[in-house]
């Protein structure tokens, strides 16, 4: 049996995009759970991997993405969960954390067969990433109080789909131990 990794999806964000106003309240609501989850993973020696949009800035790198988000009006949502020196960071261009990224290779190098997903957006990037993990035969846990949404009804449906169709384990942050 392999190891577990925590994947933090798209939380390094300036919230300067369509639907940001709808997302912000949910992001604020889940932030404490994301902070606890990252802290628990770090304390448990579990790799923390940030997979984040580049927001169309093709010359950007992870440091620039973090700096831009921290300089924005919603730095309070980024500062508590910023990557530390041991965190890994992958830049993505589309919804899935796997689509044309080196994540599959990285997970195999780390001997990871179980990923824990948190971040945003439940009904988009989290859903598509869970599906791509499932078809790669990875075990998936989605921490439902640590994923933000734009549309609550679609998020609920997405969580049900992940559980039913992808065998994802849906848990609360306090039900998960590393």
N, C-alpha and C. Protein backbone atom coordinates (compact mmCIF):
# COMPACT_ATOMS: atom_id res chain seq x y z
N UNK A 1 0.84 -1.18 0.00
CA UNK A 1 0.00 0.00 0.00
C UNK A 1 0.88 1.24 0.00
N UNK A 2 0.50 2.22 -0.80
CA UNK A 2 1.28 3.44 -0.93
C UNK A 2 0.96 4.46 0.14
N UNK A 3 1.42 5.64 -0.13
CA UNK A 3 1.28 6.75 0.81
C UNK A 3 0.11 7.66 0.42
N UNK A 4 -0.12 8.61 1.30
CA UNK A 4 -1.15 9.63 1.10
C UNK A 4 -0.48 10.96 0.83
N UNK A 5 -1.11 11.78 -0.01
CA UNK A 5 -0.69 13.17 -0.22
C UNK A 5 -1.92 14.06 -0.13
N UNK A 6 -1.73 15.25 0.40
CA UNK A 6 -2.78 16.26 0.43
C UNK A 6 -2.59 17.16 -0.78
N UNK A 7 -3.67 17.34 -1.53
CA UNK A 7 -3.65 18.23 -2.70
C UNK A 7 -4.52 19.44 -2.40
N UNK A 8 -3.93 20.62 -2.48
CA UNK A 8 -4.63 21.88 -2.25
C UNK A 8 -4.87 22.49 -3.63
N UNK A 9 -6.13 22.57 -4.02
CA UNK A 9 -6.49 22.98 -5.38
C UNK A 9 -6.92 24.45 -5.43
N UNK A 10 -6.19 25.24 -6.19
CA UNK A 10 -6.57 26.61 -6.57
C UNK A 10 -6.85 27.56 -5.41
N UNK A 11 -6.26 27.32 -4.26
CA UNK A 11 -6.49 28.22 -3.13
C UNK A 11 -5.59 29.44 -3.17
N UNK A 12 -4.54 29.42 -3.98
CA UNK A 12 -3.70 30.60 -4.14
C UNK A 12 -4.36 31.42 -5.25
N UNK A 13 -5.14 32.40 -4.84
CA UNK A 13 -6.09 33.01 -5.75
C UNK A 13 -6.24 34.49 -5.44
N UNK A 14 -6.27 35.32 -6.46
CA UNK A 14 -6.50 36.75 -6.26
C UNK A 14 -7.99 37.08 -6.30
N UNK A 15 -8.81 36.11 -6.70
CA UNK A 15 -10.27 36.26 -6.80
C UNK A 15 -10.64 37.43 -7.73
N UNK A 16 -9.88 37.55 -8.79
CA UNK A 16 -10.14 38.56 -9.80
C UNK A 16 -10.59 37.84 -11.07
N UNK A 17 -11.75 37.18 -10.98
CA UNK A 17 -12.26 36.40 -12.10
C UNK A 17 -13.77 36.31 -12.02
N UNK A 18 -14.37 35.85 -13.10
CA UNK A 18 -15.83 35.66 -13.13
C UNK A 18 -16.24 34.72 -11.99
N UNK A 19 -17.33 34.98 -11.39
CA UNK A 19 -17.90 34.18 -10.29
C UNK A 19 -17.16 34.34 -8.97
N UNK A 20 -16.15 35.20 -8.91
CA UNK A 20 -15.40 35.37 -7.66
C UNK A 20 -16.31 35.85 -6.53
N UNK A 21 -17.23 36.74 -6.84
CA UNK A 21 -18.13 37.23 -5.79
C UNK A 21 -18.96 36.10 -5.19
N UNK A 22 -19.35 35.14 -6.02
CA UNK A 22 -20.11 34.00 -5.53
C UNK A 22 -19.24 33.03 -4.74
N UNK A 23 -17.96 32.97 -5.07
CA UNK A 23 -17.03 32.03 -4.45
C UNK A 23 -16.49 32.53 -3.11
N UNK A 24 -16.32 33.81 -2.97
CA UNK A 24 -15.63 34.37 -1.80
C UNK A 24 -16.23 33.95 -0.47
N UNK A 25 -17.54 33.98 -0.32
CA UNK A 25 -18.13 33.63 0.98
C UNK A 25 -17.88 32.17 1.32
N UNK A 26 -17.95 31.30 0.33
CA UNK A 26 -17.67 29.89 0.57
C UNK A 26 -16.19 29.68 0.91
N UNK A 27 -15.31 30.38 0.21
CA UNK A 27 -13.87 30.26 0.49
C UNK A 27 -13.57 30.70 1.92
N UNK A 28 -14.20 31.77 2.36
CA UNK A 28 -14.01 32.22 3.74
C UNK A 28 -14.52 31.18 4.74
N UNK A 29 -15.62 30.56 4.40
CA UNK A 29 -16.22 29.56 5.29
C UNK A 29 -15.34 28.32 5.45
N UNK A 30 -14.71 27.88 4.36
CA UNK A 30 -13.92 26.65 4.44
C UNK A 30 -12.47 26.89 4.86
N UNK A 31 -12.02 28.14 4.86
CA UNK A 31 -10.62 28.43 5.16
C UNK A 31 -10.12 27.81 6.47
N UNK A 32 -10.85 27.92 7.58
CA UNK A 32 -10.34 27.30 8.82
C UNK A 32 -10.11 25.79 8.68
N UNK A 33 -10.98 25.10 7.97
CA UNK A 33 -10.80 23.66 7.77
C UNK A 33 -9.59 23.38 6.89
N UNK A 34 -9.37 24.19 5.87
CA UNK A 34 -8.20 24.02 5.00
C UNK A 34 -6.93 24.25 5.80
N UNK A 35 -6.92 25.28 6.64
CA UNK A 35 -5.76 25.55 7.49
C UNK A 35 -5.46 24.36 8.39
N UNK A 36 -6.48 23.81 9.04
CA UNK A 36 -6.29 22.64 9.92
C UNK A 36 -5.80 21.44 9.14
N UNK A 37 -6.37 21.23 7.97
CA UNK A 37 -5.99 20.09 7.13
C UNK A 37 -4.53 20.17 6.72
N UNK A 38 -4.10 21.34 6.26
CA UNK A 38 -2.69 21.51 5.87
C UNK A 38 -1.78 21.31 7.07
N UNK A 39 -2.15 21.89 8.21
CA UNK A 39 -1.34 21.73 9.42
C UNK A 39 -1.26 20.27 9.85
N UNK A 40 -2.39 19.57 9.82
CA UNK A 40 -2.39 18.15 10.19
C UNK A 40 -1.53 17.32 9.24
N UNK A 41 -1.59 17.62 7.96
CA UNK A 41 -0.78 16.89 6.98
C UNK A 41 0.70 17.15 7.25
N UNK A 42 1.06 18.40 7.43
CA UNK A 42 2.47 18.74 7.71
C UNK A 42 2.95 18.04 8.98
N UNK A 43 2.12 18.10 10.04
CA UNK A 43 2.49 17.45 11.30
C UNK A 43 2.64 15.94 11.14
N UNK A 44 1.84 15.35 10.24
CA UNK A 44 1.89 13.91 10.01
C UNK A 44 2.91 13.47 8.98
N UNK A 45 3.70 14.42 8.47
CA UNK A 45 4.71 14.07 7.48
C UNK A 45 4.15 13.72 6.11
N UNK A 46 2.91 14.16 5.85
CA UNK A 46 2.25 13.88 4.57
C UNK A 46 2.62 14.99 3.59
N UNK A 47 3.01 14.63 2.37
CA UNK A 47 3.33 15.67 1.39
C UNK A 47 2.12 16.56 1.12
N UNK A 48 2.37 17.87 1.07
CA UNK A 48 1.35 18.85 0.72
C UNK A 48 1.71 19.38 -0.66
N UNK A 49 0.80 19.17 -1.60
CA UNK A 49 1.04 19.56 -2.99
C UNK A 49 -0.03 20.57 -3.39
N UNK A 50 0.42 21.76 -3.72
CA UNK A 50 -0.48 22.79 -4.23
C UNK A 50 -0.53 22.63 -5.74
N UNK A 51 -1.74 22.53 -6.28
CA UNK A 51 -1.92 22.51 -7.74
C UNK A 51 -2.83 23.69 -8.02
N UNK A 52 -2.31 24.63 -8.78
CA UNK A 52 -2.97 25.92 -8.90
C UNK A 52 -3.01 26.42 -10.32
N UNK A 53 -4.12 27.08 -10.65
CA UNK A 53 -4.23 27.75 -11.95
C UNK A 53 -3.13 28.79 -12.09
N UNK A 54 -2.74 29.02 -13.34
CA UNK A 54 -1.80 30.11 -13.61
C UNK A 54 -2.53 31.35 -14.07
N UNK A 55 -3.85 31.27 -14.18
CA UNK A 55 -4.72 32.38 -14.55
C UNK A 55 -4.31 33.01 -15.88
N UNK A 56 -3.82 32.16 -16.79
CA UNK A 56 -3.47 32.62 -18.13
C UNK A 56 -2.15 33.36 -18.22
N UNK A 57 -1.42 33.42 -17.13
CA UNK A 57 -0.12 34.10 -17.12
C UNK A 57 0.96 33.05 -17.38
N UNK A 58 1.28 32.84 -18.62
CA UNK A 58 2.13 31.73 -19.02
C UNK A 58 3.59 31.90 -18.63
N UNK A 59 4.01 33.07 -18.27
CA UNK A 59 5.39 33.24 -17.81
C UNK A 59 5.49 33.19 -16.29
N UNK A 60 4.38 32.98 -15.63
CA UNK A 60 4.39 33.00 -14.18
C UNK A 60 4.92 31.68 -13.62
N UNK A 61 5.41 31.74 -12.41
CA UNK A 61 5.85 30.57 -11.67
C UNK A 61 5.18 30.62 -10.30
N UNK A 62 5.37 29.57 -9.51
CA UNK A 62 4.60 29.49 -8.27
C UNK A 62 4.85 30.66 -7.34
N UNK A 63 6.08 31.14 -7.24
CA UNK A 63 6.36 32.27 -6.36
C UNK A 63 5.61 33.52 -6.79
N UNK A 64 5.55 33.74 -8.09
CA UNK A 64 4.83 34.90 -8.61
C UNK A 64 3.33 34.77 -8.38
N UNK A 65 2.80 33.57 -8.53
CA UNK A 65 1.38 33.34 -8.29
C UNK A 65 1.04 33.64 -6.83
N UNK A 66 1.88 33.16 -5.92
CA UNK A 66 1.67 33.41 -4.49
C UNK A 66 1.78 34.90 -4.20
N UNK A 67 2.83 35.55 -4.71
CA UNK A 67 3.02 36.98 -4.46
C UNK A 67 1.86 37.81 -4.99
N UNK A 68 1.36 37.48 -6.18
CA UNK A 68 0.23 38.21 -6.76
C UNK A 68 -1.01 38.06 -5.88
N UNK A 69 -1.27 36.86 -5.42
CA UNK A 69 -2.44 36.63 -4.56
C UNK A 69 -2.29 37.36 -3.22
N UNK A 70 -1.09 37.36 -2.67
CA UNK A 70 -0.86 38.04 -1.39
C UNK A 70 -0.93 39.56 -1.52
N UNK A 71 -0.68 40.08 -2.72
CA UNK A 71 -0.76 41.52 -2.95
C UNK A 71 -2.18 41.98 -3.28
N UNK A 72 -3.08 41.04 -3.46
CA UNK A 72 -4.44 41.36 -3.85
C UNK A 72 -5.34 41.70 -2.67
N UNK A 73 -6.58 42.03 -2.97
CA UNK A 73 -7.51 42.46 -1.92
C UNK A 73 -7.98 41.33 -1.00
N UNK A 74 -7.70 40.08 -1.37
CA UNK A 74 -8.14 38.96 -0.54
C UNK A 74 -6.97 38.14 -0.02
N UNK A 75 -5.90 38.83 0.31
CA UNK A 75 -4.70 38.17 0.85
C UNK A 75 -5.01 37.41 2.13
N UNK A 76 -6.03 37.83 2.85
CA UNK A 76 -6.41 37.15 4.09
C UNK A 76 -6.85 35.72 3.85
N UNK A 77 -7.25 35.39 2.62
CA UNK A 77 -7.63 34.02 2.29
C UNK A 77 -6.42 33.19 1.84
N UNK A 78 -5.33 33.84 1.55
CA UNK A 78 -4.14 33.15 1.03
C UNK A 78 -3.06 33.01 2.09
N UNK A 79 -2.83 34.05 2.85
CA UNK A 79 -1.74 34.05 3.82
C UNK A 79 -1.77 32.86 4.78
N UNK A 80 -2.92 32.49 5.35
CA UNK A 80 -2.93 31.37 6.31
C UNK A 80 -2.60 30.01 5.70
N UNK A 81 -2.69 29.89 4.38
CA UNK A 81 -2.47 28.57 3.76
C UNK A 81 -1.34 28.61 2.73
N UNK A 82 -0.53 29.63 2.79
CA UNK A 82 0.54 29.74 1.81
C UNK A 82 1.50 28.55 1.90
N UNK A 83 2.08 28.17 0.77
CA UNK A 83 3.02 27.04 0.78
C UNK A 83 4.24 27.35 1.66
N UNK A 84 4.72 26.34 2.36
CA UNK A 84 5.96 26.49 3.12
C UNK A 84 7.11 25.92 2.29
N UNK A 85 8.30 25.87 2.88
CA UNK A 85 9.49 25.41 2.15
C UNK A 85 9.40 23.96 1.71
N UNK A 86 8.64 23.16 2.42
CA UNK A 86 8.54 21.73 2.08
C UNK A 86 7.40 21.42 1.12
N UNK A 87 6.53 22.39 0.89
CA UNK A 87 5.38 22.17 0.00
C UNK A 87 5.84 22.03 -1.45
N UNK A 88 5.12 21.22 -2.19
CA UNK A 88 5.36 21.08 -3.62
C UNK A 88 4.30 21.91 -4.34
N UNK A 89 4.61 22.37 -5.54
CA UNK A 89 3.71 23.28 -6.25
C UNK A 89 3.72 22.94 -7.73
N UNK A 90 2.54 22.73 -8.27
CA UNK A 90 2.38 22.44 -9.70
C UNK A 90 1.41 23.46 -10.27
N UNK A 91 1.79 24.03 -11.40
CA UNK A 91 0.93 24.98 -12.09
C UNK A 91 0.10 24.23 -13.12
N UNK A 92 -1.20 24.54 -13.13
CA UNK A 92 -2.10 23.92 -14.10
C UNK A 92 -2.78 25.00 -14.93
N UNK A 93 -3.30 24.57 -16.07
CA UNK A 93 -3.95 25.54 -16.95
C UNK A 93 -5.44 25.28 -17.10
N UNK A 94 -5.89 24.09 -16.77
CA UNK A 94 -7.29 23.73 -16.95
C UNK A 94 -7.85 23.23 -15.62
N UNK A 95 -9.05 22.69 -15.66
CA UNK A 95 -9.77 22.32 -14.45
C UNK A 95 -9.12 21.18 -13.66
N UNK A 96 -8.72 20.13 -14.32
CA UNK A 96 -8.18 18.97 -13.62
C UNK A 96 -6.74 19.20 -13.19
N UNK A 97 -6.42 18.72 -12.00
CA UNK A 97 -5.04 18.80 -11.50
C UNK A 97 -4.11 17.90 -12.29
N UNK A 98 -4.66 16.99 -13.05
CA UNK A 98 -3.86 16.05 -13.83
C UNK A 98 -3.65 16.47 -15.28
N UNK A 99 -4.55 17.29 -15.83
CA UNK A 99 -4.53 17.60 -17.25
C UNK A 99 -3.23 18.32 -17.63
N UNK A 100 -2.40 17.62 -18.37
CA UNK A 100 -1.13 18.14 -18.89
C UNK A 100 -0.24 18.74 -17.80
N UNK A 101 -0.26 18.11 -16.61
CA UNK A 101 0.66 18.49 -15.53
C UNK A 101 1.51 17.27 -15.19
N UNK A 102 2.59 17.46 -14.46
CA UNK A 102 3.42 16.33 -14.05
C UNK A 102 2.94 15.64 -12.78
N UNK A 103 1.69 15.90 -12.36
CA UNK A 103 1.23 15.36 -11.08
C UNK A 103 1.26 13.84 -11.02
N UNK A 104 0.81 13.15 -12.06
CA UNK A 104 0.83 11.68 -12.03
C UNK A 104 2.24 11.16 -11.79
N UNK A 105 3.19 11.74 -12.49
CA UNK A 105 4.59 11.31 -12.33
C UNK A 105 5.07 11.60 -10.91
N UNK A 106 4.77 12.79 -10.39
CA UNK A 106 5.18 13.14 -9.04
C UNK A 106 4.60 12.17 -8.02
N UNK A 107 3.31 11.87 -8.14
CA UNK A 107 2.68 10.94 -7.20
C UNK A 107 3.33 9.57 -7.26
N UNK A 108 3.67 9.11 -8.46
CA UNK A 108 4.33 7.80 -8.58
C UNK A 108 5.72 7.85 -7.94
N UNK A 109 6.43 8.95 -8.10
CA UNK A 109 7.75 9.08 -7.49
C UNK A 109 7.68 9.10 -5.96
N UNK A 110 6.58 9.62 -5.43
CA UNK A 110 6.38 9.68 -3.99
C UNK A 110 5.73 8.41 -3.44
N UNK A 111 5.39 7.47 -4.33
CA UNK A 111 4.70 6.23 -3.98
C UNK A 111 3.33 6.51 -3.35
N UNK A 112 2.64 7.52 -3.88
CA UNK A 112 1.32 7.91 -3.39
C UNK A 112 0.24 7.16 -4.17
N UNK A 113 -0.67 6.53 -3.44
CA UNK A 113 -1.83 5.89 -4.08
C UNK A 113 -3.15 6.40 -3.52
N UNK A 114 -3.06 7.38 -2.61
CA UNK A 114 -4.25 7.96 -1.98
C UNK A 114 -4.07 9.47 -1.92
N UNK A 115 -5.01 10.20 -2.51
CA UNK A 115 -4.94 11.65 -2.44
C UNK A 115 -6.14 12.19 -1.66
N UNK A 116 -5.87 13.22 -0.89
CA UNK A 116 -6.88 13.93 -0.14
C UNK A 116 -7.02 15.30 -0.81
N UNK A 117 -8.23 15.62 -1.24
CA UNK A 117 -8.48 16.86 -1.97
C UNK A 117 -9.16 17.90 -1.10
N UNK A 118 -8.65 19.12 -1.20
CA UNK A 118 -9.31 20.28 -0.61
C UNK A 118 -9.11 21.44 -1.56
N UNK A 119 -9.84 22.52 -1.35
CA UNK A 119 -9.66 23.69 -2.19
C UNK A 119 -10.92 24.13 -2.88
N UNK A 120 -10.76 24.58 -4.11
CA UNK A 120 -11.90 25.13 -4.83
C UNK A 120 -11.76 24.90 -6.32
N UNK A 121 -12.78 24.74 -6.99
CA UNK A 121 -14.20 24.84 -6.72
C UNK A 121 -14.79 23.44 -6.75
N UNK A 122 -15.60 23.09 -5.77
CA UNK A 122 -16.13 21.74 -5.62
C UNK A 122 -16.75 21.20 -6.90
N UNK A 123 -17.62 22.00 -7.52
CA UNK A 123 -18.38 21.53 -8.68
C UNK A 123 -17.60 21.69 -9.99
N UNK A 124 -16.36 22.11 -9.91
CA UNK A 124 -15.54 22.23 -11.12
C UNK A 124 -14.23 21.49 -10.91
N UNK A 125 -13.20 22.19 -10.49
CA UNK A 125 -11.85 21.60 -10.43
C UNK A 125 -11.75 20.40 -9.49
N UNK A 126 -12.43 20.44 -8.37
CA UNK A 126 -12.38 19.31 -7.44
C UNK A 126 -13.05 18.09 -8.07
N UNK A 127 -14.21 18.29 -8.66
CA UNK A 127 -14.94 17.19 -9.31
C UNK A 127 -14.11 16.57 -10.44
N UNK A 128 -13.59 17.39 -11.34
CA UNK A 128 -12.83 16.87 -12.48
C UNK A 128 -11.54 16.19 -12.04
N UNK A 129 -10.94 16.73 -10.99
CA UNK A 129 -9.71 16.13 -10.46
C UNK A 129 -9.99 14.79 -9.81
N UNK A 130 -11.09 14.69 -9.08
CA UNK A 130 -11.47 13.41 -8.48
C UNK A 130 -11.72 12.35 -9.54
N UNK A 131 -12.38 12.75 -10.62
CA UNK A 131 -12.62 11.81 -11.72
C UNK A 131 -11.30 11.35 -12.33
N UNK A 132 -10.42 12.29 -12.61
CA UNK A 132 -9.12 11.92 -13.20
C UNK A 132 -8.29 11.06 -12.25
N UNK A 133 -8.39 11.29 -10.96
CA UNK A 133 -7.68 10.44 -10.00
C UNK A 133 -8.28 9.04 -10.01
N UNK A 134 -9.60 8.97 -10.05
CA UNK A 134 -10.29 7.67 -10.06
C UNK A 134 -9.88 6.84 -11.28
N UNK A 135 -9.81 7.45 -12.45
CA UNK A 135 -9.45 6.67 -13.64
C UNK A 135 -7.97 6.30 -13.64
N UNK A 136 -7.19 6.92 -12.76
CA UNK A 136 -5.77 6.55 -12.58
C UNK A 136 -5.60 5.54 -11.44
N UNK A 137 -6.71 5.03 -10.93
CA UNK A 137 -6.72 4.03 -9.86
C UNK A 137 -6.12 4.54 -8.56
N UNK A 138 -6.29 5.82 -8.29
CA UNK A 138 -5.89 6.39 -7.01
C UNK A 138 -7.10 6.39 -6.08
N UNK A 139 -6.86 6.16 -4.82
CA UNK A 139 -7.92 6.31 -3.83
C UNK A 139 -8.08 7.81 -3.56
N UNK A 140 -9.33 8.25 -3.43
CA UNK A 140 -9.61 9.67 -3.30
C UNK A 140 -10.45 9.92 -2.05
N UNK A 141 -10.02 10.89 -1.28
CA UNK A 141 -10.81 11.43 -0.18
C UNK A 141 -11.04 12.90 -0.47
N UNK A 142 -12.27 13.34 -0.34
CA UNK A 142 -12.61 14.75 -0.49
C UNK A 142 -13.08 15.25 0.88
N UNK A 143 -12.45 16.29 1.37
CA UNK A 143 -12.80 16.84 2.68
C UNK A 143 -13.87 17.91 2.43
N UNK A 144 -15.12 17.53 2.69
CA UNK A 144 -16.23 18.37 2.24
C UNK A 144 -16.36 19.70 2.97
N UNK A 145 -15.80 19.81 4.17
CA UNK A 145 -15.83 21.12 4.83
C UNK A 145 -14.57 21.93 4.52
N UNK A 146 -13.76 21.41 3.57
CA UNK A 146 -12.54 22.11 3.14
C UNK A 146 -12.53 22.31 1.63
N UNK A 147 -13.72 22.27 1.01
CA UNK A 147 -13.85 22.57 -0.41
C UNK A 147 -14.90 23.68 -0.57
N UNK A 148 -14.53 24.70 -1.31
CA UNK A 148 -15.42 25.85 -1.53
C UNK A 148 -16.18 25.68 -2.84
N UNK A 149 -17.31 26.34 -2.90
CA UNK A 149 -18.17 26.20 -4.07
C UNK A 149 -18.65 27.57 -4.55
N UNK A 150 -19.14 27.57 -5.78
CA UNK A 150 -19.82 28.74 -6.33
C UNK A 150 -21.32 28.55 -6.16
N UNK A 151 -21.79 27.37 -6.53
CA UNK A 151 -23.22 27.06 -6.47
C UNK A 151 -23.44 25.90 -5.49
N UNK A 152 -24.09 26.13 -4.36
CA UNK A 152 -24.28 25.09 -3.35
C UNK A 152 -24.96 23.83 -3.87
N UNK A 153 -25.98 23.99 -4.71
CA UNK A 153 -26.69 22.82 -5.21
C UNK A 153 -25.81 21.97 -6.12
N UNK A 154 -24.99 22.61 -6.94
CA UNK A 154 -24.07 21.86 -7.80
C UNK A 154 -22.96 21.21 -6.98
N UNK A 155 -22.53 21.88 -5.93
CA UNK A 155 -21.50 21.30 -5.07
C UNK A 155 -22.01 20.05 -4.38
N UNK A 156 -23.24 20.10 -3.88
CA UNK A 156 -23.83 18.91 -3.26
C UNK A 156 -23.93 17.76 -4.26
N UNK A 157 -24.38 18.07 -5.46
CA UNK A 157 -24.47 17.04 -6.50
C UNK A 157 -23.09 16.50 -6.86
N UNK A 158 -22.10 17.37 -6.94
CA UNK A 158 -20.74 16.94 -7.26
C UNK A 158 -20.19 16.00 -6.19
N UNK A 159 -20.43 16.34 -4.93
CA UNK A 159 -19.96 15.46 -3.84
C UNK A 159 -20.65 14.10 -3.90
N UNK A 160 -21.95 14.09 -4.20
CA UNK A 160 -22.66 12.81 -4.34
C UNK A 160 -22.09 12.01 -5.52
N UNK A 161 -21.82 12.68 -6.63
CA UNK A 161 -21.24 11.99 -7.79
C UNK A 161 -19.87 11.41 -7.46
N UNK A 162 -19.04 12.19 -6.75
CA UNK A 162 -17.70 11.70 -6.40
C UNK A 162 -17.81 10.46 -5.51
N UNK A 163 -18.73 10.48 -4.57
CA UNK A 163 -18.90 9.33 -3.68
C UNK A 163 -19.46 8.13 -4.44
N UNK A 164 -20.50 8.35 -5.21
CA UNK A 164 -21.19 7.24 -5.87
C UNK A 164 -20.44 6.71 -7.09
N UNK A 165 -20.01 7.59 -7.96
CA UNK A 165 -19.44 7.18 -9.24
C UNK A 165 -17.93 7.00 -9.22
N UNK A 166 -17.26 7.58 -8.23
CA UNK A 166 -15.79 7.52 -8.20
C UNK A 166 -15.27 6.88 -6.92
N UNK A 167 -16.19 6.37 -6.13
CA UNK A 167 -15.83 5.74 -4.85
C UNK A 167 -15.01 6.63 -3.94
N UNK A 168 -15.20 7.94 -4.06
CA UNK A 168 -14.48 8.87 -3.20
C UNK A 168 -15.03 8.77 -1.78
N UNK A 169 -14.13 8.86 -0.84
CA UNK A 169 -14.48 8.90 0.57
C UNK A 169 -14.71 10.37 0.92
N UNK A 170 -15.91 10.73 1.30
CA UNK A 170 -16.25 12.11 1.64
C UNK A 170 -16.22 12.23 3.16
N UNK A 171 -15.36 13.11 3.65
CA UNK A 171 -15.15 13.25 5.10
C UNK A 171 -15.07 14.71 5.51
N UNK A 172 -15.24 14.92 6.80
CA UNK A 172 -14.97 16.22 7.44
C UNK A 172 -13.51 16.23 7.87
N UNK A 173 -12.95 17.43 8.00
CA UNK A 173 -11.55 17.54 8.37
C UNK A 173 -11.28 16.85 9.70
N UNK A 174 -12.21 16.94 10.65
CA UNK A 174 -11.98 16.35 11.97
C UNK A 174 -12.14 14.83 11.97
N UNK A 175 -12.62 14.25 10.88
CA UNK A 175 -12.74 12.80 10.76
C UNK A 175 -11.52 12.17 10.08
N UNK A 176 -10.58 12.99 9.69
CA UNK A 176 -9.44 12.52 8.91
C UNK A 176 -8.17 12.63 9.73
N UNK A 177 -7.42 11.57 9.77
CA UNK A 177 -6.11 11.63 10.44
C UNK A 177 -5.04 11.16 9.48
N UNK A 178 -3.90 11.78 9.60
CA UNK A 178 -2.77 11.42 8.73
C UNK A 178 -1.77 10.61 9.53
